Amino acid sequence: MYLCYADDSGDNTSRSITAVLVEDKNWSSLMEKWLEGRAYLTKTWGVRKHAELHALELGTQRGSFCETEAQERLFIHDARRRAYEIMASSLARVDGLVTFTVASREKRLPMVYTLFIEKLEQWAASRQTNVMVLLDGPDGNTFVGGENNAETRQQKWVAAQKHAQPHRRIHRDLDIATRRVIEDVIMQDSKQSQII
């Protein structure tokens, strides 16, 4: 069985979903290599241990990643490109790791997610394996800004369920007798997942 960590991106003209797939037996190796890369970024440039590494922000010189302003001034241009290469190389050292992207001019995420799941089904069938999908999205457990009262938690939970509903429907429409993508999609906010 494979675990599939997926994230979407897009704008007004197109949308894509990129996935990293790792066989369950290699999951600990993936985490080990990822954490080694993260430790190197912290040691070399002062990148915060829990900073989200958005490729777009690294590539476009946006976002703040470092512990101090002085470190941030040094973590620009070539340093950010090098950091991206280091993390990509960390993933490349994991046995059997698979990555792919499904891109479309379609702007609606559920439509692109349907294409993504079709591709994932074909891939899994060709390897006689199953896949469980973890997708970046609100999971209802992320409470920001110190708002942790019961009403706020309920609102965020409801919003997360509504966001996941189209994705769950796509999974549930798969033929149970032949499907390779098992279970409903697991929504997990990228802030709460090291791999996403």
N, C-alpha and C. Protein backbone atom coordinates (compact mmCIF):
# COMPACT_ATOMS: atom_id res chain seq x y z
N MET A 1 0.84 -1.18 0.00
CA MET A 1 0.00 0.00 0.00
C MET A 1 0.88 1.25 0.00
N TYR A 2 0.40 2.27 -0.66
CA TYR A 2 1.09 3.55 -0.73
C TYR A 2 0.29 4.63 -0.02
N LEU A 3 1.01 5.57 0.58
CA LEU A 3 0.43 6.78 1.11
C LEU A 3 0.68 7.87 0.08
N CYS A 4 -0.33 8.65 -0.22
CA CYS A 4 -0.24 9.70 -1.23
C CYS A 4 -0.46 11.04 -0.56
N TYR A 5 0.59 11.87 -0.54
CA TYR A 5 0.51 13.22 0.02
C TYR A 5 0.32 14.18 -1.13
N ALA A 6 -0.80 14.89 -1.17
CA ALA A 6 -1.15 15.71 -2.33
C ALA A 6 -1.49 17.13 -1.93
N ASP A 7 -1.19 18.04 -2.85
CA ASP A 7 -1.49 19.45 -2.65
C ASP A 7 -1.89 20.04 -3.99
N ASP A 8 -2.79 21.00 -3.95
CA ASP A 8 -3.23 21.63 -5.20
C ASP A 8 -2.66 23.04 -5.28
N SER A 9 -2.59 23.54 -6.49
CA SER A 9 -2.23 24.93 -6.71
C SER A 9 -2.96 25.39 -7.96
N GLY A 10 -3.05 26.69 -8.14
CA GLY A 10 -3.72 27.17 -9.33
C GLY A 10 -4.00 28.65 -9.26
N ASP A 11 -4.53 29.14 -10.38
CA ASP A 11 -4.91 30.54 -10.49
C ASP A 11 -6.16 30.63 -11.37
N ASN A 12 -6.39 31.77 -11.98
CA ASN A 12 -7.60 31.96 -12.78
C ASN A 12 -7.56 31.25 -14.13
N THR A 13 -6.41 30.67 -14.49
CA THR A 13 -6.31 30.04 -15.81
C THR A 13 -6.14 28.53 -15.76
N SER A 14 -5.64 27.99 -14.66
CA SER A 14 -5.43 26.55 -14.58
C SER A 14 -5.29 26.10 -13.14
N ARG A 15 -5.27 24.80 -12.96
CA ARG A 15 -5.13 24.22 -11.62
C ARG A 15 -4.36 22.92 -11.75
N SER A 16 -3.60 22.57 -10.72
CA SER A 16 -2.86 21.32 -10.73
C SER A 16 -2.88 20.70 -9.33
N ILE A 17 -2.63 19.40 -9.31
CA ILE A 17 -2.45 18.68 -8.05
C ILE A 17 -1.17 17.88 -8.19
N THR A 18 -0.27 18.06 -7.24
CA THR A 18 0.99 17.34 -7.22
C THR A 18 0.99 16.39 -6.04
N ALA A 19 1.53 15.19 -6.28
CA ALA A 19 1.51 14.16 -5.24
C ALA A 19 2.89 13.55 -5.06
N VAL A 20 3.16 13.19 -3.82
CA VAL A 20 4.31 12.36 -3.46
C VAL A 20 3.72 11.08 -2.91
N LEU A 21 4.11 9.95 -3.51
CA LEU A 21 3.62 8.65 -3.07
C LEU A 21 4.77 7.85 -2.48
N VAL A 22 4.52 7.28 -1.32
CA VAL A 22 5.54 6.48 -0.67
C VAL A 22 4.88 5.18 -0.19
N GLU A 23 5.58 4.07 -0.42
CA GLU A 23 5.07 2.79 0.06
C GLU A 23 5.09 2.80 1.58
N ASP A 24 4.08 2.19 2.18
CA ASP A 24 3.97 2.26 3.64
C ASP A 24 5.24 1.78 4.34
N LYS A 25 5.91 0.78 3.79
CA LYS A 25 7.13 0.27 4.44
C LYS A 25 8.28 1.26 4.36
N ASN A 26 8.20 2.26 3.48
CA ASN A 26 9.26 3.26 3.34
C ASN A 26 8.91 4.59 3.98
N TRP A 27 7.78 4.66 4.68
CA TRP A 27 7.35 5.91 5.27
C TRP A 27 8.38 6.46 6.26
N SER A 28 8.94 5.60 7.11
CA SER A 28 9.91 6.08 8.10
C SER A 28 11.17 6.60 7.41
N SER A 29 11.56 5.99 6.31
CA SER A 29 12.72 6.47 5.55
C SER A 29 12.43 7.86 4.97
N LEU A 30 11.21 8.05 4.47
CA LEU A 30 10.81 9.36 3.95
C LEU A 30 10.92 10.42 5.04
N MET A 31 10.38 10.14 6.20
CA MET A 31 10.44 11.10 7.30
C MET A 31 11.88 11.37 7.72
N GLU A 32 12.68 10.32 7.79
CA GLU A 32 14.08 10.48 8.18
C GLU A 32 14.83 11.39 7.21
N LYS A 33 14.68 11.15 5.92
CA LYS A 33 15.37 11.96 4.90
C LYS A 33 14.85 13.40 4.92
N TRP A 34 13.54 13.55 5.07
CA TRP A 34 12.96 14.89 5.12
C TRP A 34 13.50 15.67 6.30
N LEU A 35 13.52 15.04 7.47
CA LEU A 35 13.99 15.72 8.68
C LEU A 35 15.49 16.03 8.61
N GLU A 36 16.28 15.17 7.95
CA GLU A 36 17.71 15.46 7.74
C GLU A 36 17.86 16.73 6.90
N GLY A 37 17.07 16.83 5.84
CA GLY A 37 17.12 18.02 5.00
C GLY A 37 16.71 19.26 5.76
N ARG A 38 15.64 19.15 6.54
CA ARG A 38 15.18 20.29 7.34
C ARG A 38 16.24 20.72 8.34
N ALA A 39 16.89 19.76 8.99
CA ALA A 39 17.94 20.09 9.96
C ALA A 39 19.09 20.82 9.28
N TYR A 40 19.43 20.43 8.05
CA TYR A 40 20.49 21.11 7.32
C TYR A 40 20.11 22.56 7.02
N LEU A 41 18.86 22.79 6.64
CA LEU A 41 18.40 24.16 6.37
C LEU A 41 18.47 25.02 7.64
N THR A 42 18.12 24.44 8.76
CA THR A 42 18.17 25.18 10.02
C THR A 42 19.62 25.51 10.39
N LYS A 43 20.48 24.52 10.27
CA LYS A 43 21.89 24.71 10.63
C LYS A 43 22.58 25.72 9.69
N THR A 44 22.28 25.64 8.40
CA THR A 44 22.98 26.46 7.42
C THR A 44 22.45 27.88 7.33
N TRP A 45 21.13 28.04 7.32
CA TRP A 45 20.56 29.38 7.10
C TRP A 45 19.65 29.87 8.23
N GLY A 46 19.41 29.04 9.23
CA GLY A 46 18.52 29.45 10.31
C GLY A 46 17.05 29.33 9.97
N VAL A 47 16.73 28.49 8.97
CA VAL A 47 15.32 28.27 8.62
C VAL A 47 14.62 27.66 9.83
N ARG A 48 13.52 28.29 10.22
CA ARG A 48 12.78 27.81 11.39
C ARG A 48 12.40 26.34 11.21
N LYS A 49 12.52 25.59 12.27
CA LYS A 49 12.27 24.15 12.24
C LYS A 49 10.88 23.79 11.72
N HIS A 50 9.88 24.61 12.06
CA HIS A 50 8.51 24.28 11.68
C HIS A 50 7.95 25.21 10.60
N ALA A 51 8.82 25.95 9.93
CA ALA A 51 8.35 26.83 8.85
C ALA A 51 7.85 25.98 7.69
N GLU A 52 6.69 26.34 7.16
CA GLU A 52 6.19 25.65 5.96
C GLU A 52 7.05 26.03 4.78
N LEU A 53 7.50 25.04 4.04
CA LEU A 53 8.34 25.30 2.87
C LEU A 53 7.47 25.30 1.63
N HIS A 54 6.99 26.45 1.25
CA HIS A 54 6.20 26.58 0.02
C HIS A 54 7.15 26.81 -1.14
N ALA A 55 7.11 25.94 -2.13
CA ALA A 55 8.00 26.06 -3.28
C ALA A 55 7.82 27.40 -3.98
N LEU A 56 6.58 27.85 -4.10
CA LEU A 56 6.32 29.13 -4.76
C LEU A 56 7.01 30.27 -4.03
N GLU A 57 6.91 30.28 -2.71
CA GLU A 57 7.54 31.33 -1.93
C GLU A 57 9.06 31.25 -2.01
N LEU A 58 9.60 30.04 -1.98
CA LEU A 58 11.05 29.90 -2.12
C LEU A 58 11.51 30.42 -3.49
N GLY A 59 10.78 30.06 -4.52
CA GLY A 59 11.15 30.43 -5.88
C GLY A 59 10.95 31.89 -6.22
N THR A 60 9.99 32.52 -5.59
CA THR A 60 9.69 33.92 -5.92
C THR A 60 10.23 34.89 -4.89
N GLN A 61 11.02 34.39 -3.96
CA GLN A 61 11.67 35.22 -2.94
C GLN A 61 10.67 35.88 -1.99
N ARG A 62 9.50 35.26 -1.84
CA ARG A 62 8.51 35.78 -0.90
C ARG A 62 8.53 34.92 0.36
N GLY A 63 7.89 35.39 1.37
CA GLY A 63 7.75 34.63 2.60
C GLY A 63 8.95 34.79 3.52
N SER A 64 8.70 34.51 4.77
CA SER A 64 9.73 34.58 5.80
C SER A 64 9.94 33.18 6.35
N PHE A 65 11.19 32.73 6.39
CA PHE A 65 11.49 31.36 6.80
C PHE A 65 12.44 31.25 7.98
N CYS A 66 13.23 32.30 8.25
CA CYS A 66 14.34 32.20 9.19
C CYS A 66 14.00 32.70 10.59
N GLU A 67 14.87 32.35 11.53
CA GLU A 67 14.70 32.73 12.93
C GLU A 67 14.89 34.23 13.15
N THR A 68 15.87 34.83 12.45
CA THR A 68 16.18 36.25 12.67
C THR A 68 16.13 37.02 11.35
N GLU A 69 16.04 38.33 11.46
CA GLU A 69 16.05 39.18 10.26
C GLU A 69 17.40 39.09 9.55
N ALA A 70 18.48 39.00 10.33
CA ALA A 70 19.83 38.90 9.74
C ALA A 70 19.93 37.62 8.90
N GLN A 71 19.42 36.50 9.42
CA GLN A 71 19.44 35.25 8.66
C GLN A 71 18.56 35.37 7.42
N GLU A 72 17.42 36.02 7.58
CA GLU A 72 16.50 36.18 6.45
C GLU A 72 17.15 36.96 5.32
N ARG A 73 17.96 37.98 5.66
CA ARG A 73 18.64 38.77 4.62
C ARG A 73 19.64 37.91 3.83
N LEU A 74 20.18 36.88 4.45
CA LEU A 74 21.13 35.99 3.77
C LEU A 74 20.41 34.86 3.01
N PHE A 75 19.18 34.60 3.40
CA PHE A 75 18.43 33.49 2.79
C PHE A 75 17.62 34.01 1.60
N ILE A 76 18.32 34.40 0.56
CA ILE A 76 17.68 34.93 -0.65
C ILE A 76 18.31 34.28 -1.88
N HIS A 77 17.67 34.46 -2.99
CA HIS A 77 18.13 34.04 -4.32
C HIS A 77 18.77 32.64 -4.33
N ASP A 78 20.11 32.58 -4.46
CA ASP A 78 20.79 31.29 -4.59
C ASP A 78 20.57 30.40 -3.37
N ALA A 79 20.52 31.00 -2.18
CA ALA A 79 20.31 30.22 -0.96
C ALA A 79 18.95 29.53 -0.99
N ARG A 80 17.92 30.24 -1.43
CA ARG A 80 16.58 29.63 -1.50
C ARG A 80 16.53 28.55 -2.58
N ARG A 81 17.16 28.79 -3.71
CA ARG A 81 17.20 27.76 -4.75
C ARG A 81 17.94 26.52 -4.23
N ARG A 82 19.03 26.76 -3.53
CA ARG A 82 19.80 25.64 -2.97
C ARG A 82 18.96 24.88 -1.93
N ALA A 83 18.23 25.59 -1.11
CA ALA A 83 17.37 24.94 -0.11
C ALA A 83 16.34 24.05 -0.80
N TYR A 84 15.75 24.56 -1.87
CA TYR A 84 14.78 23.77 -2.63
C TYR A 84 15.44 22.50 -3.16
N GLU A 85 16.64 22.64 -3.73
CA GLU A 85 17.37 21.48 -4.26
C GLU A 85 17.70 20.47 -3.17
N ILE A 86 18.09 20.96 -2.01
CA ILE A 86 18.43 20.07 -0.88
C ILE A 86 17.22 19.24 -0.48
N MET A 87 16.06 19.90 -0.37
CA MET A 87 14.86 19.17 0.05
C MET A 87 14.40 18.19 -1.03
N ALA A 88 14.48 18.59 -2.30
CA ALA A 88 14.12 17.68 -3.39
C ALA A 88 15.08 16.49 -3.41
N SER A 89 16.36 16.73 -3.17
CA SER A 89 17.34 15.64 -3.13
C SER A 89 17.07 14.71 -1.95
N SER A 90 16.61 15.27 -0.85
CA SER A 90 16.27 14.43 0.31
C SER A 90 15.19 13.44 -0.06
N LEU A 91 14.16 13.91 -0.77
CA LEU A 91 13.08 13.03 -1.20
C LEU A 91 13.58 12.00 -2.21
N ALA A 92 14.48 12.41 -3.09
CA ALA A 92 14.97 11.52 -4.14
C ALA A 92 15.74 10.33 -3.58
N ARG A 93 16.21 10.43 -2.34
CA ARG A 93 16.97 9.33 -1.74
C ARG A 93 16.08 8.27 -1.10
N VAL A 94 14.77 8.43 -1.17
CA VAL A 94 13.84 7.46 -0.58
C VAL A 94 13.52 6.39 -1.62
N ASP A 95 13.72 5.13 -1.26
CA ASP A 95 13.45 4.01 -2.18
C ASP A 95 12.00 4.01 -2.62
N GLY A 96 11.81 3.89 -3.94
CA GLY A 96 10.47 3.71 -4.49
C GLY A 96 9.56 4.91 -4.43
N LEU A 97 10.08 6.08 -4.09
CA LEU A 97 9.24 7.28 -4.03
C LEU A 97 8.76 7.63 -5.44
N VAL A 98 7.50 7.99 -5.54
CA VAL A 98 6.91 8.35 -6.82
C VAL A 98 6.31 9.75 -6.68
N THR A 99 6.50 10.58 -7.70
CA THR A 99 5.84 11.89 -7.72
C THR A 99 5.15 12.05 -9.06
N PHE A 100 4.05 12.72 -9.07
CA PHE A 100 3.43 13.11 -10.33
C PHE A 100 2.50 14.29 -10.12
N THR A 101 2.24 14.96 -11.23
CA THR A 101 1.38 16.13 -11.23
C THR A 101 0.31 15.96 -12.29
N VAL A 102 -0.91 16.29 -11.93
CA VAL A 102 -2.01 16.35 -12.89
C VAL A 102 -2.37 17.83 -13.01
N ALA A 103 -2.31 18.33 -14.23
CA ALA A 103 -2.60 19.75 -14.48
C ALA A 103 -3.71 19.87 -15.51
N SER A 104 -4.48 20.93 -15.37
CA SER A 104 -5.60 21.14 -16.27
C SER A 104 -5.91 22.62 -16.38
N ARG A 105 -6.50 23.00 -17.50
CA ARG A 105 -6.99 24.38 -17.63
C ARG A 105 -8.30 24.56 -16.86
N GLU A 106 -8.85 23.48 -16.39
CA GLU A 106 -10.06 23.52 -15.56
C GLU A 106 -9.72 24.27 -14.27
N LYS A 107 -10.59 25.19 -13.88
CA LYS A 107 -10.34 26.01 -12.69
C LYS A 107 -10.94 25.43 -11.42
N ARG A 108 -11.94 24.57 -11.58
CA ARG A 108 -12.64 24.04 -10.40
C ARG A 108 -11.87 22.85 -9.83
N LEU A 109 -11.49 22.95 -8.57
CA LEU A 109 -10.69 21.92 -7.93
C LEU A 109 -11.35 20.54 -7.98
N PRO A 110 -12.65 20.39 -7.69
CA PRO A 110 -13.22 19.03 -7.75
C PRO A 110 -13.06 18.36 -9.11
N MET A 111 -13.13 19.14 -10.19
CA MET A 111 -12.96 18.56 -11.52
C MET A 111 -11.52 18.06 -11.70
N VAL A 112 -10.55 18.84 -11.27
CA VAL A 112 -9.15 18.44 -11.39
C VAL A 112 -8.86 17.28 -10.43
N TYR A 113 -9.49 17.30 -9.26
CA TYR A 113 -9.31 16.20 -8.31
C TYR A 113 -9.84 14.89 -8.91
N THR A 114 -10.93 14.96 -9.66
CA THR A 114 -11.46 13.77 -10.33
C THR A 114 -10.42 13.22 -11.31
N LEU A 115 -9.80 14.09 -12.10
CA LEU A 115 -8.74 13.66 -13.02
C LEU A 115 -7.56 13.05 -12.26
N PHE A 116 -7.22 13.67 -11.15
CA PHE A 116 -6.13 13.19 -10.31
C PHE A 116 -6.42 11.78 -9.80
N ILE A 117 -7.62 11.57 -9.29
CA ILE A 117 -7.98 10.25 -8.75
C ILE A 117 -8.01 9.20 -9.87
N GLU A 118 -8.49 9.58 -11.05
CA GLU A 118 -8.46 8.65 -12.19
C GLU A 118 -7.02 8.22 -12.49
N LYS A 119 -6.10 9.18 -12.54
CA LYS A 119 -4.69 8.88 -12.79
C LYS A 119 -4.12 8.00 -11.68
N LEU A 120 -4.47 8.31 -10.44
CA LEU A 120 -3.99 7.54 -9.30
C LEU A 120 -4.52 6.11 -9.34
N GLU A 121 -5.78 5.95 -9.72
CA GLU A 121 -6.38 4.61 -9.87
C GLU A 121 -5.62 3.80 -10.93
N GLN A 122 -5.34 4.42 -12.07
CA GLN A 122 -4.61 3.73 -13.14
C GLN A 122 -3.21 3.33 -12.67
N TRP A 123 -2.54 4.24 -12.00
CA TRP A 123 -1.20 3.96 -11.50
C TRP A 123 -1.22 2.79 -10.52
N ALA A 124 -2.14 2.82 -9.57
CA ALA A 124 -2.22 1.78 -8.55
C ALA A 124 -2.59 0.42 -9.17
N ALA A 125 -3.50 0.43 -10.13
CA ALA A 125 -3.89 -0.81 -10.79
C ALA A 125 -2.71 -1.41 -11.55
N SER A 126 -1.91 -0.57 -12.18
CA SER A 126 -0.76 -1.08 -12.94
C SER A 126 0.29 -1.71 -12.04
N ARG A 127 0.27 -1.38 -10.75
CA ARG A 127 1.23 -1.94 -9.80
C ARG A 127 0.59 -2.91 -8.80
N GLN A 128 -0.69 -3.17 -9.00
CA GLN A 128 -1.42 -4.09 -8.11
C GLN A 128 -1.26 -3.70 -6.64
N THR A 129 -1.50 -2.41 -6.37
CA THR A 129 -1.39 -1.91 -5.01
C THR A 129 -2.58 -1.02 -4.70
N ASN A 130 -2.67 -0.59 -3.47
CA ASN A 130 -3.70 0.34 -3.02
C ASN A 130 -3.06 1.64 -2.57
N VAL A 131 -3.87 2.70 -2.52
CA VAL A 131 -3.37 4.02 -2.16
C VAL A 131 -4.36 4.69 -1.21
N MET A 132 -3.83 5.35 -0.20
CA MET A 132 -4.63 6.19 0.69
C MET A 132 -4.19 7.63 0.49
N VAL A 133 -5.14 8.54 0.27
CA VAL A 133 -4.83 9.92 -0.08
C VAL A 133 -4.96 10.85 1.12
N LEU A 134 -3.89 11.62 1.35
CA LEU A 134 -3.89 12.70 2.33
C LEU A 134 -3.75 13.99 1.53
N LEU A 135 -4.75 14.85 1.59
CA LEU A 135 -4.81 16.05 0.76
C LEU A 135 -4.76 17.29 1.63
N ASP A 136 -3.96 18.26 1.20
CA ASP A 136 -3.90 19.53 1.92
C ASP A 136 -5.27 20.19 1.91
N GLY A 137 -5.73 20.54 3.08
CA GLY A 137 -7.01 21.22 3.20
C GLY A 137 -7.39 21.34 4.66
N PRO A 138 -8.37 22.16 4.95
CA PRO A 138 -8.77 22.34 6.35
C PRO A 138 -9.30 21.03 6.92
N ASP A 139 -8.79 20.70 8.10
CA ASP A 139 -9.19 19.45 8.73
C ASP A 139 -10.12 19.66 9.92
N GLY A 140 -10.40 20.91 10.23
CA GLY A 140 -11.31 21.19 11.34
C GLY A 140 -10.61 21.22 12.68
N ASN A 141 -9.34 20.86 12.73
CA ASN A 141 -8.61 20.84 14.00
C ASN A 141 -7.62 21.97 14.14
N THR A 142 -7.48 22.80 13.13
CA THR A 142 -6.52 23.89 13.16
C THR A 142 -7.20 25.13 13.70
N PHE A 143 -6.77 25.56 14.86
CA PHE A 143 -7.36 26.75 15.47
C PHE A 143 -6.30 27.83 15.52
N VAL A 144 -6.54 28.93 14.82
CA VAL A 144 -5.55 30.00 14.74
C VAL A 144 -6.02 31.21 15.51
N GLY A 145 -5.07 32.09 15.83
CA GLY A 145 -5.40 33.35 16.47
C GLY A 145 -5.90 33.21 17.89
N GLY A 146 -5.66 32.09 18.53
CA GLY A 146 -6.06 31.92 19.91
C GLY A 146 -7.55 31.70 20.10
N GLU A 147 -8.31 31.67 18.99
CA GLU A 147 -9.75 31.46 19.11
C GLU A 147 -10.01 29.97 19.27
N ASN A 148 -10.29 29.57 20.48
CA ASN A 148 -10.45 28.15 20.74
C ASN A 148 -11.73 27.88 21.52
N ASN A 149 -12.74 28.73 21.32
CA ASN A 149 -13.99 28.49 22.04
C ASN A 149 -14.84 27.49 21.25
N ALA A 150 -15.87 26.98 21.89
CA ALA A 150 -16.68 25.92 21.30
C ALA A 150 -17.35 26.35 20.00
N GLU A 151 -17.84 27.57 19.93
CA GLU A 151 -18.52 28.04 18.72
C GLU A 151 -17.54 28.12 17.54
N THR A 152 -16.34 28.65 17.78
CA THR A 152 -15.33 28.75 16.72
C THR A 152 -14.91 27.37 16.24
N ARG A 153 -14.70 26.44 17.19
CA ARG A 153 -14.34 25.07 16.81
C ARG A 153 -15.42 24.45 15.96
N GLN A 154 -16.68 24.64 16.31
CA GLN A 154 -17.80 24.08 15.56
C GLN A 154 -17.85 24.67 14.15
N GLN A 155 -17.68 25.99 14.03
CA GLN A 155 -17.70 26.64 12.72
C GLN A 155 -16.58 26.12 11.82
N LYS A 156 -15.40 25.97 12.38
CA LYS A 156 -14.27 25.48 11.60
C LYS A 156 -14.48 24.02 11.20
N TRP A 157 -15.06 23.24 12.07
CA TRP A 157 -15.33 21.84 11.75
C TRP A 157 -16.35 21.74 10.61
N VAL A 158 -17.40 22.52 10.69
CA VAL A 158 -18.42 22.52 9.64
C VAL A 158 -17.82 22.97 8.32
N ALA A 159 -17.01 24.03 8.34
CA ALA A 159 -16.37 24.52 7.12
C ALA A 159 -15.44 23.46 6.52
N ALA A 160 -14.70 22.76 7.37
CA ALA A 160 -13.80 21.70 6.88
C ALA A 160 -14.59 20.56 6.25
N GLN A 161 -15.71 20.19 6.85
CA GLN A 161 -16.54 19.12 6.29
C GLN A 161 -17.12 19.51 4.94
N LYS A 162 -17.56 20.76 4.81
CA LYS A 162 -18.09 21.24 3.54
C LYS A 162 -17.00 21.24 2.46
N HIS A 163 -15.80 21.65 2.84
CA HIS A 163 -14.68 21.69 1.90
C HIS A 163 -14.33 20.28 1.40
N ALA A 164 -14.39 19.30 2.29
CA ALA A 164 -14.00 17.92 1.94
C ALA A 164 -15.10 17.16 1.21
N GLN A 165 -16.34 17.63 1.30
CA GLN A 165 -17.47 16.88 0.74
C GLN A 165 -17.31 16.52 -0.74
N PRO A 166 -16.94 17.45 -1.64
CA PRO A 166 -16.79 17.06 -3.04
C PRO A 166 -15.70 16.00 -3.24
N HIS A 167 -14.63 16.08 -2.45
CA HIS A 167 -13.54 15.12 -2.56
C HIS A 167 -14.00 13.74 -2.09
N ARG A 168 -14.74 13.71 -0.98
CA ARG A 168 -15.26 12.42 -0.49
C ARG A 168 -16.19 11.80 -1.52
N ARG A 169 -17.02 12.61 -2.16
CA ARG A 169 -17.96 12.10 -3.15
C ARG A 169 -17.21 11.43 -4.31
N ILE A 170 -16.11 12.03 -4.73
CA ILE A 170 -15.31 11.45 -5.81
C ILE A 170 -14.79 10.07 -5.41
N HIS A 171 -14.34 9.94 -4.18
CA HIS A 171 -13.87 8.63 -3.69
C HIS A 171 -15.03 7.64 -3.63
N ARG A 172 -16.16 8.08 -3.12
CA ARG A 172 -17.29 7.17 -2.93
C ARG A 172 -17.95 6.77 -4.24
N ASP A 173 -17.69 7.53 -5.31
CA ASP A 173 -18.23 7.16 -6.62
C ASP A 173 -17.38 6.10 -7.32
N LEU A 174 -16.22 5.76 -6.77
CA LEU A 174 -15.38 4.72 -7.36
C LEU A 174 -16.06 3.36 -7.17
N ASP A 175 -15.86 2.48 -8.13
CA ASP A 175 -16.43 1.12 -8.06
C ASP A 175 -15.75 0.36 -6.93
N ILE A 176 -16.51 -0.01 -5.92
CA ILE A 176 -15.96 -0.67 -4.73
C ILE A 176 -15.27 -1.98 -5.08
N ALA A 177 -15.72 -2.66 -6.13
CA ALA A 177 -15.15 -3.96 -6.49
C ALA A 177 -13.76 -3.84 -7.11
N THR A 178 -13.47 -2.70 -7.72
CA THR A 178 -12.19 -2.57 -8.44
C THR A 178 -11.32 -1.41 -7.95
N ARG A 179 -11.82 -0.61 -7.07
CA ARG A 179 -11.08 0.60 -6.69
C ARG A 179 -9.78 0.27 -6.00
N ARG A 180 -8.79 1.10 -6.26
CA ARG A 180 -7.46 0.99 -5.66
C ARG A 180 -7.19 2.12 -4.68
N VAL A 181 -7.90 3.24 -4.84
CA VAL A 181 -7.80 4.34 -3.88
C VAL A 181 -8.79 4.03 -2.77
N ILE A 182 -8.24 3.66 -1.63
CA ILE A 182 -9.09 3.16 -0.55
C ILE A 182 -9.48 4.28 0.41
N GLU A 183 -10.57 4.08 1.11
CA GLU A 183 -11.06 5.01 2.13
C GLU A 183 -11.43 6.34 1.52
N ASP A 184 -12.02 7.20 2.31
CA ASP A 184 -12.29 8.58 1.91
C ASP A 184 -10.97 9.35 1.95
N VAL A 185 -10.94 10.45 1.25
CA VAL A 185 -9.78 11.33 1.31
C VAL A 185 -9.60 11.80 2.75
N ILE A 186 -8.37 11.91 3.19
CA ILE A 186 -8.06 12.44 4.51
C ILE A 186 -7.55 13.86 4.32
N MET A 187 -8.33 14.82 4.78
CA MET A 187 -7.93 16.21 4.66
C MET A 187 -7.01 16.54 5.83
N GLN A 188 -5.87 17.14 5.52
CA GLN A 188 -4.93 17.50 6.55
C GLN A 188 -4.28 18.82 6.18
N ASP A 189 -4.43 19.80 7.02
CA ASP A 189 -3.85 21.11 6.76
C ASP A 189 -2.34 20.97 6.66
N SER A 190 -1.74 21.58 5.65
CA SER A 190 -0.30 21.47 5.44
C SER A 190 0.49 21.98 6.65
N LYS A 191 -0.10 22.87 7.42
CA LYS A 191 0.57 23.36 8.63
C LYS A 191 0.74 22.24 9.66
N GLN A 192 -0.08 21.20 9.54
CA GLN A 192 -0.04 20.10 10.49
C GLN A 192 0.66 18.86 9.93
N SER A 193 1.18 18.93 8.71
CA SER A 193 1.80 17.77 8.08
C SER A 193 3.16 18.14 7.54
N GLN A 194 4.19 17.45 7.98
CA GLN A 194 5.53 17.75 7.51
C GLN A 194 5.68 17.47 6.02
N ILE A 195 5.08 16.41 5.53
CA ILE A 195 5.25 16.04 4.12
C ILE A 195 4.39 16.90 3.20
N ILE A 196 3.14 17.13 3.54
CA ILE A 196 2.32 18.00 2.70
C ILE A 196 2.94 19.39 2.67
